[in-house]
N, C-alpha and C. Protein backbone atom coordinates (compact mmCIF):
# COMPACT_ATOMS: atom_id res chain seq x y z
N UNK A 1 57.63 103.48 90.49
CA UNK A 1 56.80 103.46 91.66
C UNK A 1 57.02 102.18 92.49
N UNK A 2 57.12 101.04 91.80
CA UNK A 2 57.41 99.81 92.46
C UNK A 2 58.80 99.80 93.17
N UNK A 3 59.75 100.41 92.51
CA UNK A 3 61.10 100.40 93.06
C UNK A 3 61.15 101.22 94.35
N UNK A 4 60.33 102.20 94.50
CA UNK A 4 60.24 103.00 95.75
C UNK A 4 59.81 102.22 96.94
N UNK A 5 59.18 101.07 96.72
CA UNK A 5 58.62 100.29 97.79
C UNK A 5 59.56 99.32 98.41
N UNK A 6 60.77 99.23 97.83
CA UNK A 6 61.83 98.34 98.42
C UNK A 6 62.21 97.19 97.52
N UNK A 7 63.24 96.52 97.90
CA UNK A 7 63.77 95.43 97.05
C UNK A 7 62.87 94.26 96.89
N UNK A 8 62.32 93.81 98.01
CA UNK A 8 61.41 92.66 97.94
C UNK A 8 60.15 92.88 97.21
N UNK A 9 59.40 93.96 97.42
CA UNK A 9 58.27 94.24 96.60
C UNK A 9 58.64 94.47 95.10
N UNK A 10 59.83 95.05 94.90
CA UNK A 10 60.28 95.26 93.49
C UNK A 10 60.54 93.90 92.79
N UNK A 11 61.11 92.99 93.46
CA UNK A 11 61.37 91.72 92.89
C UNK A 11 60.11 90.96 92.59
N UNK A 12 59.14 90.97 93.48
CA UNK A 12 57.86 90.42 93.20
C UNK A 12 57.14 91.09 91.99
N UNK A 13 57.22 92.42 91.99
CA UNK A 13 56.58 93.18 90.93
C UNK A 13 57.23 92.76 89.57
N UNK A 14 58.51 92.62 89.56
CA UNK A 14 59.21 92.21 88.28
C UNK A 14 58.77 90.82 87.82
N UNK A 15 58.63 89.95 88.73
CA UNK A 15 58.10 88.61 88.34
C UNK A 15 56.72 88.72 87.73
N UNK A 16 55.81 89.47 88.38
CA UNK A 16 54.48 89.62 87.97
C UNK A 16 54.43 90.32 86.62
N UNK A 17 55.21 91.38 86.53
CA UNK A 17 55.24 92.19 85.27
C UNK A 17 55.77 91.50 84.07
N UNK A 18 56.79 90.63 84.30
CA UNK A 18 57.37 89.91 83.15
C UNK A 18 56.45 88.78 82.67
N UNK A 19 55.71 88.16 83.55
CA UNK A 19 54.78 87.12 83.16
C UNK A 19 53.59 87.83 82.49
N UNK A 20 53.16 88.92 83.03
CA UNK A 20 52.05 89.70 82.45
C UNK A 20 52.38 90.15 81.00
N UNK A 21 53.54 90.74 80.86
CA UNK A 21 53.96 91.17 79.53
C UNK A 21 54.18 90.03 78.54
N UNK A 22 54.73 88.90 79.03
CA UNK A 22 54.94 87.73 78.11
C UNK A 22 53.52 87.23 77.62
N UNK A 23 52.61 87.11 78.52
CA UNK A 23 51.25 86.66 78.15
C UNK A 23 50.60 87.66 77.19
N UNK A 24 50.85 88.97 77.48
CA UNK A 24 50.26 89.96 76.58
C UNK A 24 50.80 89.94 75.17
N UNK A 25 52.04 89.43 75.02
CA UNK A 25 52.64 89.36 73.73
C UNK A 25 51.96 88.30 72.81
N UNK A 26 51.36 87.32 73.49
CA UNK A 26 50.53 86.41 72.66
C UNK A 26 49.36 87.07 72.04
N UNK A 27 48.78 87.90 72.76
CA UNK A 27 47.63 88.71 72.16
C UNK A 27 48.14 89.72 71.14
N UNK A 28 49.31 90.23 71.32
CA UNK A 28 49.88 91.17 70.41
C UNK A 28 50.16 90.46 69.09
N UNK A 29 50.71 89.23 69.17
CA UNK A 29 50.90 88.52 67.93
C UNK A 29 49.59 88.21 67.17
N UNK A 30 48.58 87.97 67.90
CA UNK A 30 47.31 87.74 67.30
C UNK A 30 46.80 88.97 66.67
N UNK A 31 47.02 90.16 67.34
CA UNK A 31 46.65 91.46 66.80
C UNK A 31 47.33 91.71 65.47
N UNK A 32 48.63 91.37 65.48
CA UNK A 32 49.40 91.64 64.21
C UNK A 32 48.92 90.92 63.01
N UNK A 33 48.43 89.67 63.22
CA UNK A 33 47.89 88.93 62.10
C UNK A 33 46.56 89.51 61.66
N UNK A 34 45.73 89.92 62.61
CA UNK A 34 44.46 90.60 62.28
C UNK A 34 44.75 91.94 61.56
N UNK A 35 45.78 92.64 61.95
CA UNK A 35 46.17 93.90 61.31
C UNK A 35 46.47 93.69 59.82
N UNK A 36 47.28 92.69 59.56
CA UNK A 36 47.59 92.40 58.17
C UNK A 36 46.42 92.01 57.32
N UNK A 37 45.51 91.24 57.84
CA UNK A 37 44.29 90.86 57.15
C UNK A 37 43.38 91.99 56.91
N UNK A 38 43.23 92.81 57.93
CA UNK A 38 42.40 93.98 57.83
C UNK A 38 42.95 94.95 56.80
N UNK A 39 44.24 95.22 56.90
CA UNK A 39 44.84 96.14 55.93
C UNK A 39 44.69 95.78 54.45
N UNK A 40 44.90 94.50 54.22
CA UNK A 40 44.69 93.94 52.78
C UNK A 40 43.23 94.16 52.35
N UNK A 41 42.29 93.81 53.21
CA UNK A 41 40.87 93.85 52.72
C UNK A 41 40.40 95.35 52.70
N UNK A 42 40.91 96.14 53.66
CA UNK A 42 40.46 97.53 53.75
C UNK A 42 41.03 98.25 52.48
N UNK A 43 42.21 97.99 52.05
CA UNK A 43 42.82 98.59 50.91
C UNK A 43 42.01 98.30 49.63
N UNK A 44 41.42 97.15 49.53
CA UNK A 44 40.58 96.70 48.44
C UNK A 44 39.11 97.14 48.56
N UNK A 45 38.85 97.91 49.65
CA UNK A 45 37.52 98.38 50.03
C UNK A 45 36.45 97.20 50.12
N UNK A 46 37.02 96.04 50.58
CA UNK A 46 36.19 94.89 50.84
C UNK A 46 35.66 94.93 52.29
N UNK A 47 34.69 95.89 52.53
CA UNK A 47 34.25 96.19 53.90
C UNK A 47 33.57 94.98 54.54
N UNK A 48 32.91 94.17 53.78
CA UNK A 48 32.28 92.98 54.32
C UNK A 48 33.33 92.09 54.97
N UNK A 49 34.38 91.90 54.26
CA UNK A 49 35.53 91.05 54.77
C UNK A 49 36.13 91.72 56.04
N UNK A 50 36.37 93.02 55.96
CA UNK A 50 36.94 93.76 57.10
C UNK A 50 36.01 93.57 58.36
N UNK A 51 34.69 93.68 58.12
CA UNK A 51 33.76 93.47 59.23
C UNK A 51 33.88 92.05 59.79
N UNK A 52 33.95 91.07 58.93
CA UNK A 52 34.13 89.70 59.39
C UNK A 52 35.43 89.49 60.22
N UNK A 53 36.49 89.95 59.57
CA UNK A 53 37.84 89.86 60.27
C UNK A 53 37.74 90.58 61.67
N UNK A 54 37.09 91.71 61.66
CA UNK A 54 37.01 92.48 62.93
C UNK A 54 36.31 91.70 64.04
N UNK A 55 35.18 91.13 63.65
CA UNK A 55 34.34 90.33 64.63
C UNK A 55 35.13 89.17 65.10
N UNK A 56 35.77 88.39 64.12
CA UNK A 56 36.52 87.24 64.51
C UNK A 56 37.72 87.59 65.39
N UNK A 57 38.45 88.62 64.98
CA UNK A 57 39.57 89.05 65.79
C UNK A 57 39.17 89.39 67.24
N UNK A 58 38.03 90.13 67.41
CA UNK A 58 37.63 90.46 68.70
C UNK A 58 37.15 89.29 69.53
N UNK A 59 36.51 88.33 68.91
CA UNK A 59 35.98 87.14 69.60
C UNK A 59 37.18 86.27 69.94
N UNK A 60 38.13 86.03 69.07
CA UNK A 60 39.28 85.16 69.37
C UNK A 60 40.22 85.89 70.37
N UNK A 61 40.33 87.14 70.20
CA UNK A 61 41.14 87.91 71.19
C UNK A 61 40.58 87.79 72.65
N UNK A 62 39.29 87.94 72.76
CA UNK A 62 38.66 87.88 74.02
C UNK A 62 38.80 86.41 74.58
N UNK A 63 38.59 85.41 73.71
CA UNK A 63 38.77 84.04 74.10
C UNK A 63 40.19 83.78 74.58
N UNK A 64 41.15 84.31 73.84
CA UNK A 64 42.54 84.14 74.24
C UNK A 64 42.79 84.74 75.59
N UNK A 65 42.27 85.95 75.78
CA UNK A 65 42.40 86.61 77.04
C UNK A 65 41.83 85.80 78.23
N UNK A 66 40.67 85.28 77.99
CA UNK A 66 39.99 84.45 79.07
C UNK A 66 40.78 83.17 79.31
N UNK A 67 41.25 82.54 78.24
CA UNK A 67 42.02 81.32 78.40
C UNK A 67 43.36 81.59 79.13
N UNK A 68 43.98 82.74 78.79
CA UNK A 68 45.24 83.05 79.52
C UNK A 68 44.96 83.36 81.02
N UNK A 69 43.84 84.02 81.23
CA UNK A 69 43.44 84.31 82.65
C UNK A 69 43.29 83.00 83.43
N UNK A 70 42.61 82.03 82.82
CA UNK A 70 42.37 80.79 83.52
C UNK A 70 43.73 80.02 83.75
N UNK A 71 44.52 79.92 82.63
CA UNK A 71 45.80 79.18 82.78
C UNK A 71 46.70 79.85 83.79
N UNK A 72 46.83 81.18 83.72
CA UNK A 72 47.73 81.89 84.68
C UNK A 72 47.14 81.87 86.12
N UNK A 73 45.83 81.88 86.20
CA UNK A 73 45.19 81.80 87.54
C UNK A 73 45.49 80.48 88.23
N UNK A 74 45.52 79.45 87.44
CA UNK A 74 45.73 78.08 88.01
C UNK A 74 47.19 77.83 88.23
N UNK A 75 48.03 78.29 87.35
CA UNK A 75 49.42 77.88 87.39
C UNK A 75 50.38 78.90 87.93
N UNK A 76 50.05 80.18 88.07
CA UNK A 76 50.97 81.23 88.39
C UNK A 76 51.63 81.01 89.77
N UNK A 77 50.89 80.59 90.81
CA UNK A 77 51.62 80.43 92.10
C UNK A 77 52.79 79.41 92.07
N UNK A 78 52.60 78.33 91.34
CA UNK A 78 53.70 77.35 91.24
C UNK A 78 54.71 77.77 90.13
N UNK A 79 54.21 78.46 89.11
CA UNK A 79 55.08 78.98 88.03
C UNK A 79 56.06 80.03 88.55
N UNK A 80 55.65 80.82 89.52
CA UNK A 80 56.45 81.88 90.13
C UNK A 80 57.70 81.33 90.76
N UNK A 81 57.62 80.04 91.26
CA UNK A 81 58.76 79.44 91.95
C UNK A 81 59.92 79.20 90.97
N UNK A 82 59.63 79.24 89.65
CA UNK A 82 60.74 79.18 88.64
C UNK A 82 61.66 80.41 88.70
N UNK A 83 61.09 81.48 89.21
CA UNK A 83 61.88 82.76 89.31
C UNK A 83 62.63 82.92 90.63
N UNK A 84 62.03 82.43 91.74
CA UNK A 84 62.63 82.65 92.98
C UNK A 84 62.11 81.63 94.00
N UNK A 85 62.89 81.34 95.03
CA UNK A 85 62.39 80.55 96.16
C UNK A 85 62.28 81.33 97.47
N UNK A 86 62.44 82.65 97.30
CA UNK A 86 62.34 83.52 98.52
C UNK A 86 60.88 83.65 98.90
N UNK A 87 60.58 83.19 100.17
CA UNK A 87 59.19 83.14 100.65
C UNK A 87 58.52 84.50 100.71
N UNK A 88 59.34 85.55 101.07
CA UNK A 88 58.75 86.92 101.15
C UNK A 88 58.35 87.40 99.72
N UNK A 89 59.17 87.17 98.80
CA UNK A 89 58.84 87.60 97.37
C UNK A 89 57.62 86.80 96.85
N UNK A 90 57.61 85.41 97.16
CA UNK A 90 56.57 84.63 96.67
C UNK A 90 55.20 85.00 97.32
N UNK A 91 55.20 85.46 98.55
CA UNK A 91 54.00 85.89 99.20
C UNK A 91 53.46 87.12 98.47
N UNK A 92 54.30 88.10 98.17
CA UNK A 92 53.88 89.27 97.47
C UNK A 92 53.45 88.94 96.00
N UNK A 93 54.20 87.90 95.36
CA UNK A 93 53.77 87.48 93.99
C UNK A 93 52.36 86.99 94.04
N UNK A 94 52.01 86.19 95.08
CA UNK A 94 50.64 85.62 95.09
C UNK A 94 49.65 86.71 95.29
N UNK A 95 49.94 87.79 95.88
CA UNK A 95 49.04 88.92 95.94
C UNK A 95 48.82 89.60 94.53
N UNK A 96 49.81 89.39 93.66
CA UNK A 96 49.73 89.91 92.28
C UNK A 96 48.98 88.99 91.32
N UNK A 97 48.56 87.83 91.81
CA UNK A 97 47.90 86.84 90.94
C UNK A 97 46.71 87.37 90.29
N UNK A 98 45.89 88.08 90.96
CA UNK A 98 44.62 88.65 90.39
C UNK A 98 44.99 89.63 89.29
N UNK A 99 46.00 90.50 89.52
CA UNK A 99 46.49 91.40 88.49
C UNK A 99 46.91 90.65 87.26
N UNK A 100 47.80 89.71 87.40
CA UNK A 100 48.41 89.00 86.32
C UNK A 100 47.39 88.22 85.48
N UNK A 101 46.49 87.56 86.21
CA UNK A 101 45.50 86.70 85.55
C UNK A 101 44.22 87.46 85.08
N UNK A 102 43.61 88.18 85.99
CA UNK A 102 42.36 88.78 85.64
C UNK A 102 42.48 89.82 84.57
N UNK A 103 43.59 90.51 84.48
CA UNK A 103 43.77 91.56 83.47
C UNK A 103 43.99 91.03 82.05
N UNK A 104 44.18 89.77 81.85
CA UNK A 104 44.48 89.23 80.58
C UNK A 104 43.37 89.46 79.49
N UNK A 105 42.11 89.33 79.83
CA UNK A 105 41.12 89.71 78.84
C UNK A 105 41.21 91.12 78.35
N UNK A 106 41.41 92.08 79.41
CA UNK A 106 41.51 93.44 78.94
C UNK A 106 42.78 93.73 78.06
N UNK A 107 43.86 93.02 78.47
CA UNK A 107 45.12 93.19 77.70
C UNK A 107 44.89 92.69 76.21
N UNK A 108 44.29 91.50 76.12
CA UNK A 108 44.01 90.95 74.77
C UNK A 108 43.19 91.83 73.97
N UNK A 109 42.14 92.38 74.54
CA UNK A 109 41.25 93.33 73.77
C UNK A 109 42.00 94.60 73.37
N UNK A 110 42.77 95.10 74.31
CA UNK A 110 43.49 96.39 74.00
C UNK A 110 44.46 96.14 72.83
N UNK A 111 45.18 94.99 72.80
CA UNK A 111 46.08 94.74 71.71
C UNK A 111 45.31 94.46 70.36
N UNK A 112 44.21 93.75 70.46
CA UNK A 112 43.37 93.50 69.26
C UNK A 112 42.80 94.76 68.71
N UNK A 113 42.33 95.67 69.56
CA UNK A 113 41.81 96.97 69.03
C UNK A 113 42.99 97.79 68.40
N UNK A 114 44.15 97.76 68.99
CA UNK A 114 45.25 98.39 68.33
C UNK A 114 45.57 97.81 66.98
N UNK A 115 45.58 96.57 66.85
CA UNK A 115 45.84 95.95 65.59
C UNK A 115 44.72 96.29 64.54
N UNK A 116 43.51 96.35 64.97
CA UNK A 116 42.43 96.70 64.04
C UNK A 116 42.58 98.13 63.57
N UNK A 117 42.97 99.01 64.53
CA UNK A 117 43.12 100.45 64.12
C UNK A 117 44.37 100.62 63.20
N UNK A 118 45.40 99.94 63.48
CA UNK A 118 46.59 100.02 62.71
C UNK A 118 46.23 99.46 61.26
N UNK A 119 45.41 98.48 61.17
CA UNK A 119 45.03 97.78 59.97
C UNK A 119 44.30 98.75 59.02
N UNK A 120 43.56 99.68 59.58
CA UNK A 120 42.85 100.65 58.73
C UNK A 120 43.58 102.01 58.68
N UNK A 121 44.81 102.04 59.11
CA UNK A 121 45.71 103.19 59.11
C UNK A 121 45.09 104.32 59.96
N UNK A 122 44.47 103.97 61.09
CA UNK A 122 43.94 104.97 61.99
C UNK A 122 45.00 105.33 63.07
N UNK A 123 46.15 105.67 62.56
CA UNK A 123 47.25 106.02 63.54
C UNK A 123 47.01 107.27 64.32
N UNK A 124 46.48 108.29 63.78
CA UNK A 124 46.26 109.55 64.58
C UNK A 124 45.36 109.23 65.84
N UNK A 125 44.30 108.41 65.61
CA UNK A 125 43.39 108.14 66.75
C UNK A 125 44.20 107.29 67.76
N UNK A 126 44.94 106.29 67.25
CA UNK A 126 45.65 105.41 68.14
C UNK A 126 46.63 106.24 68.94
N UNK A 127 47.34 107.14 68.32
CA UNK A 127 48.38 107.91 69.07
C UNK A 127 47.67 108.84 70.12
N UNK A 128 46.68 109.58 69.68
CA UNK A 128 45.97 110.58 70.61
C UNK A 128 45.32 109.82 71.76
N UNK A 129 44.64 108.72 71.43
CA UNK A 129 43.97 107.96 72.55
C UNK A 129 45.03 107.38 73.53
N UNK A 130 46.16 106.92 73.01
CA UNK A 130 47.15 106.33 73.83
C UNK A 130 47.74 107.45 74.77
N UNK A 131 47.86 108.68 74.28
CA UNK A 131 48.39 109.74 75.13
C UNK A 131 47.35 110.08 76.20
N UNK A 132 46.10 110.13 75.85
CA UNK A 132 45.10 110.52 76.82
C UNK A 132 45.00 109.35 77.85
N UNK A 133 44.92 108.21 77.45
CA UNK A 133 44.81 107.03 78.34
C UNK A 133 46.04 106.92 79.20
N UNK A 134 47.21 107.18 78.60
CA UNK A 134 48.48 107.09 79.44
C UNK A 134 48.52 108.23 80.45
N UNK A 135 48.07 109.41 80.09
CA UNK A 135 48.01 110.49 81.14
C UNK A 135 47.06 110.17 82.24
N UNK A 136 45.88 109.65 81.93
CA UNK A 136 44.88 109.32 82.99
C UNK A 136 45.44 108.17 83.95
N UNK A 137 46.00 107.10 83.30
CA UNK A 137 46.59 106.07 84.10
C UNK A 137 47.79 106.54 84.94
N UNK A 138 48.54 107.47 84.40
CA UNK A 138 49.78 108.00 85.08
C UNK A 138 49.31 108.79 86.33
N UNK A 139 48.25 109.52 86.25
CA UNK A 139 47.77 110.25 87.41
C UNK A 139 47.49 109.25 88.52
N UNK A 140 46.76 108.19 88.18
CA UNK A 140 46.52 107.11 89.16
C UNK A 140 47.79 106.52 89.73
N UNK A 141 48.77 106.28 88.82
CA UNK A 141 50.03 105.63 89.18
C UNK A 141 50.89 106.57 90.09
N UNK A 142 50.72 107.84 89.99
CA UNK A 142 51.46 108.74 90.76
C UNK A 142 50.94 108.77 92.23
N UNK A 143 49.64 108.69 92.34
CA UNK A 143 49.05 108.90 93.71
C UNK A 143 48.69 107.53 94.46
N UNK A 144 48.34 106.50 93.74
CA UNK A 144 47.90 105.23 94.45
C UNK A 144 49.02 104.43 95.05
N UNK A 145 50.16 104.22 94.41
CA UNK A 145 51.16 103.33 95.05
C UNK A 145 51.70 103.81 96.36
N UNK A 146 51.88 105.14 96.56
CA UNK A 146 52.35 105.55 97.96
C UNK A 146 51.38 105.27 98.99
N UNK A 147 50.02 105.15 98.64
CA UNK A 147 49.01 104.88 99.60
C UNK A 147 48.78 103.42 99.82
N UNK A 148 48.63 102.63 98.70
CA UNK A 148 48.23 101.26 98.81
C UNK A 148 49.33 100.28 98.36
N UNK A 149 50.52 100.79 97.95
CA UNK A 149 51.64 99.91 97.65
C UNK A 149 51.47 99.34 96.27
N UNK A 150 51.98 98.07 96.12
CA UNK A 150 52.05 97.39 94.81
C UNK A 150 50.60 97.23 94.20
N UNK A 151 49.57 96.94 95.01
CA UNK A 151 48.24 96.95 94.35
C UNK A 151 47.87 98.17 93.58
N UNK A 152 48.43 99.28 94.04
CA UNK A 152 48.27 100.57 93.33
C UNK A 152 48.91 100.59 91.99
N UNK A 153 50.14 100.00 91.96
CA UNK A 153 50.87 99.90 90.65
C UNK A 153 50.09 98.95 89.72
N UNK A 154 49.73 97.76 90.28
CA UNK A 154 48.99 96.84 89.41
C UNK A 154 47.62 97.32 88.95
N UNK A 155 46.99 98.02 89.90
CA UNK A 155 45.69 98.60 89.49
C UNK A 155 45.84 99.66 88.43
N UNK A 156 46.88 100.44 88.56
CA UNK A 156 47.17 101.50 87.57
C UNK A 156 47.42 100.88 86.14
N UNK A 157 48.16 99.77 86.11
CA UNK A 157 48.40 99.16 84.82
C UNK A 157 47.14 98.50 84.26
N UNK A 158 46.32 97.98 85.13
CA UNK A 158 45.05 97.41 84.72
C UNK A 158 44.13 98.50 84.22
N UNK A 159 44.07 99.63 84.88
CA UNK A 159 43.27 100.76 84.41
C UNK A 159 43.82 101.23 83.10
N UNK A 160 45.12 101.21 82.87
CA UNK A 160 45.65 101.63 81.61
C UNK A 160 45.18 100.70 80.45
N UNK A 161 45.24 99.41 80.65
CA UNK A 161 44.78 98.47 79.62
C UNK A 161 43.24 98.56 79.53
N UNK A 162 42.52 98.73 80.58
CA UNK A 162 41.12 98.87 80.41
C UNK A 162 40.69 100.08 79.66
N UNK A 163 41.34 101.18 79.90
CA UNK A 163 41.02 102.40 79.17
C UNK A 163 41.43 102.25 77.71
N UNK A 164 42.50 101.59 77.40
CA UNK A 164 42.83 101.35 76.02
C UNK A 164 41.80 100.55 75.33
N UNK A 165 41.23 99.55 76.01
CA UNK A 165 40.12 98.74 75.44
C UNK A 165 38.93 99.57 75.19
N UNK A 166 38.56 100.41 76.14
CA UNK A 166 37.43 101.37 76.06
C UNK A 166 37.59 102.29 74.85
N UNK A 167 38.79 102.89 74.74
CA UNK A 167 39.11 103.76 73.61
C UNK A 167 38.95 103.05 72.25
N UNK A 168 39.46 101.80 72.26
CA UNK A 168 39.31 101.04 70.97
C UNK A 168 37.87 100.73 70.64
N UNK A 169 37.10 100.40 71.63
CA UNK A 169 35.67 100.10 71.37
C UNK A 169 34.88 101.38 71.00
N UNK A 170 35.24 102.46 71.55
CA UNK A 170 34.59 103.75 71.23
C UNK A 170 34.84 104.09 69.79
N UNK A 171 36.09 103.87 69.31
CA UNK A 171 36.42 104.18 67.91
C UNK A 171 35.66 103.28 66.99
N UNK A 172 35.50 102.03 67.27
CA UNK A 172 34.76 101.06 66.41
C UNK A 172 33.23 101.39 66.44
N UNK A 173 32.80 102.01 67.47
CA UNK A 173 31.36 102.29 67.62
C UNK A 173 31.01 103.66 67.00
N UNK A 174 32.02 104.47 66.61
CA UNK A 174 31.78 105.81 66.09
C UNK A 174 31.17 105.73 64.67
N UNK A 175 30.25 106.64 64.32
CA UNK A 175 29.65 106.67 63.11
C UNK A 175 30.56 107.35 62.04
N UNK A 176 31.52 108.11 62.56
CA UNK A 176 32.50 108.74 61.57
C UNK A 176 33.79 108.05 61.74
N UNK A 177 34.71 108.39 60.85
CA UNK A 177 35.99 107.71 61.00
C UNK A 177 36.13 106.45 60.13
N UNK A 178 37.21 105.76 60.21
CA UNK A 178 37.43 104.64 59.28
C UNK A 178 36.48 103.41 59.48
N UNK A 179 35.76 103.43 60.54
CA UNK A 179 34.89 102.24 60.86
C UNK A 179 33.43 102.53 60.59
N UNK A 180 33.15 103.56 59.73
CA UNK A 180 31.75 103.98 59.42
C UNK A 180 30.97 102.86 58.86
N UNK A 181 31.55 101.89 58.14
CA UNK A 181 30.82 100.83 57.51
C UNK A 181 30.31 99.86 58.52
N UNK A 182 30.88 99.77 59.69
CA UNK A 182 30.27 98.83 60.75
C UNK A 182 28.95 99.36 61.14
N UNK A 183 28.81 100.66 61.32
CA UNK A 183 27.51 101.26 61.76
C UNK A 183 26.50 101.27 60.60
N UNK A 184 26.97 101.52 59.41
CA UNK A 184 26.06 101.55 58.24
C UNK A 184 25.44 100.18 58.06
N UNK A 185 26.18 99.13 58.23
CA UNK A 185 25.59 97.86 57.95
C UNK A 185 24.68 97.47 59.11
N UNK A 186 24.97 97.89 60.38
CA UNK A 186 24.04 97.61 61.50
C UNK A 186 22.76 98.37 61.28
N UNK A 187 22.81 99.64 60.82
CA UNK A 187 21.60 100.37 60.65
C UNK A 187 20.76 99.74 59.48
N UNK A 188 21.46 99.27 58.41
CA UNK A 188 20.76 98.67 57.33
C UNK A 188 20.08 97.41 57.75
N UNK A 189 20.77 96.64 58.57
CA UNK A 189 20.11 95.35 59.09
C UNK A 189 18.87 95.65 59.92
N UNK A 190 18.99 96.70 60.78
CA UNK A 190 17.81 97.06 61.57
C UNK A 190 16.65 97.57 60.72
N UNK A 191 17.00 98.42 59.72
CA UNK A 191 15.97 98.90 58.86
C UNK A 191 15.25 97.87 58.00
N UNK A 192 16.02 96.83 57.63
CA UNK A 192 15.42 95.78 56.82
C UNK A 192 14.61 94.76 57.66
N UNK A 193 14.77 94.77 58.95
CA UNK A 193 14.06 93.91 59.83
C UNK A 193 12.63 94.19 60.01
């Protein structure tokens, strides 16, 4: 979709996309470590530890996303000059600043949720939810860019990551499935209060 808009918008999009993906890989690395810790504890049926790791992973993931958003928000306009000195490309890159920086908390949470689900071997849910989320975001990506240009592409990618986060949260909140113990412990805490 970005390539259809021309060479200059495509160049700006590639700069934004590469920085966005690179920052997202930090959250993905964090998710991989959470996945390993979760898998180990889940295999031993140590649900208390899994719950603790889950909460810590989500909190640190969100903190990482917020920190990345702040860092990129402050540094991205000057950082983009490392990629090009073309003023037209840099003008478009500046318009992608909100996408690159503001979407980082969503990206971080999406990757953390993936790591949590992989850690409890919830691969069928991860695959099905990714297909549904991908289809919904693709519909937006098909229709929005021809109307609103690059912001349509960036909005579509942000919607994709946001829906991935929502799908991950919904699974953790479900009373059935591999995360049942999170709800059982919450109900027990409420009942004992």
